[in-house]
Amino acid sequence: MNANSYKDGERLTKVETRLENIEVAVTRMEEKLDKWHGNYISRMELNEMLRARDERLERIEKERLLNKQLYPGWINLLIAFAALLVAWFHNK
């Protein structure tokens, strides 16, 4: 019986050691999860950020199109100015 109780005690010590290692690992995992959740953005916040970004992109695109529509007017103005210069130098 002495040998069996010694083996049982040894097994119990190994099991306790493994259990302590598991507890340490679980504690580390919980800490990592807490940090991860602390940096986590909720779905509602993400949707709001994406909506605001899309609105800014639409506004920028509209401004770009408006600026693009001004190009022909500026080109006409430059042509008219060049024609005015040619006419002025031609009459001198």
Protein backbone atom coordinates (compact mmCIF):
# COMPACT_ATOMS: atom_id res chain seq x y z
CA MET A 1 0.00 0.00 0.00
CA ASN A 2 2.90 2.29 0.64
CA ALA A 3 4.12 2.05 -2.95
CA ASN A 4 0.61 2.71 -4.30
CA SER A 5 0.09 5.74 -2.10
CA TYR A 6 3.49 7.06 -3.21
CA LYS A 7 2.53 6.60 -6.89
CA ASP A 8 -0.84 8.23 -6.26
CA GLY A 9 0.84 11.16 -4.56
CA GLU A 10 3.26 11.47 -7.46
CA ARG A 11 0.38 11.38 -9.96
CA LEU A 12 -1.50 13.95 -7.93
CA THR A 13 1.55 16.23 -7.92
CA LYS A 14 1.87 15.93 -11.72
CA VAL A 15 -1.83 16.68 -12.17
CA GLU A 16 -1.62 19.69 -9.85
CA THR A 17 1.41 20.98 -11.77
CA ARG A 18 -0.39 20.59 -15.09
CA LEU A 19 -3.47 22.28 -13.64
CA GLU A 20 -1.39 25.23 -12.44
CA ASN A 21 0.19 25.52 -15.91
CA ILE A 22 -3.26 25.48 -17.48
CA GLU A 23 -4.46 28.16 -15.06
CA VAL A 24 -1.47 30.35 -15.97
CA ALA A 25 -2.13 29.85 -19.69
CA VAL A 26 -5.84 30.66 -19.29
CA THR A 27 -4.99 33.79 -17.30
CA ARG A 28 -2.61 34.95 -20.06
CA MET A 29 -5.26 34.24 -22.69
CA GLU A 30 -7.85 36.24 -20.73
CA GLU A 31 -5.43 39.17 -20.46
CA LYS A 32 -4.79 39.06 -24.21
CA LEU A 33 -8.52 38.91 -24.90
CA ASP A 34 -9.11 41.89 -22.60
CA LYS A 35 -6.47 43.89 -24.47
CA TRP A 36 -7.93 42.83 -27.81
CA HIS A 37 -11.45 43.79 -26.76
CA GLY A 38 -10.15 47.11 -25.48
CA ASN A 39 -8.91 47.94 -29.01
CA TYR A 40 -11.96 46.48 -30.73
CA ILE A 41 -14.21 48.82 -32.72
CA SER A 42 -17.88 48.01 -32.55
CA ARG A 43 -19.86 47.39 -35.72
CA MET A 44 -21.91 50.56 -35.21
CA GLU A 45 -18.77 52.70 -34.87
CA LEU A 46 -17.25 51.06 -37.93
CA ASN A 47 -20.42 51.66 -39.97
CA GLU A 48 -20.45 55.31 -38.91
CA MET A 49 -16.78 55.74 -39.86
CA LEU A 50 -17.37 54.14 -43.27
CA ARG A 51 -20.47 56.25 -43.88
CA ALA A 52 -18.57 59.46 -43.07
CA ARG A 53 -15.73 58.36 -45.35
CA ASP A 54 -18.16 57.64 -48.18
CA GLU A 55 -19.77 61.06 -47.76
CA ARG A 56 -16.36 62.76 -47.93
CA LEU A 57 -15.45 60.79 -51.05
CA GLU A 58 -18.75 61.73 -52.72
CA ARG A 59 -18.19 65.41 -51.87
CA ILE A 60 -14.65 65.29 -53.26
CA GLU A 61 -15.87 63.57 -56.42
CA LYS A 62 -18.57 66.24 -56.92
CA GLU A 63 -16.00 69.00 -56.46
CA ARG A 64 -13.69 67.30 -58.94
CA LEU A 65 -16.49 67.07 -61.50
CA LEU A 66 -17.38 70.73 -60.97
CA ASN A 67 -13.75 71.72 -61.48
CA LYS A 68 -13.56 69.53 -64.57
CA GLN A 69 -16.59 71.33 -66.02
CA LEU A 70 -14.73 74.64 -65.67
CA TYR A 71 -11.87 73.52 -67.94
CA PRO A 72 -13.61 74.36 -71.25
CA GLY A 73 -14.41 77.85 -69.97
CA TRP A 74 -10.79 78.45 -68.97
CA ILE A 75 -9.55 77.11 -72.30
CA ASN A 76 -11.96 79.45 -74.16
CA LEU A 77 -10.71 82.35 -72.04
CA LEU A 78 -7.08 81.53 -72.86
CA ILE A 79 -7.88 81.24 -76.58
CA ALA A 80 -9.68 84.57 -76.50
CA PHE A 81 -6.74 86.19 -74.69
CA ALA A 82 -4.29 84.72 -77.23
CA ALA A 83 -6.48 86.00 -80.08
CA LEU A 84 -6.57 89.43 -78.44
CA LEU A 85 -2.76 89.46 -78.17
CA VAL A 86 -2.37 88.36 -81.80
CA ALA A 87 -4.80 91.06 -82.94
CA TRP A 88 -3.07 93.71 -80.86
CA PHE A 89 0.42 92.84 -82.17
CA HIS A 90 -0.90 92.52 -85.73
CA ASN A 91 -2.31 96.06 -85.63
CA LYS A 92 0.95 97.64 -84.37
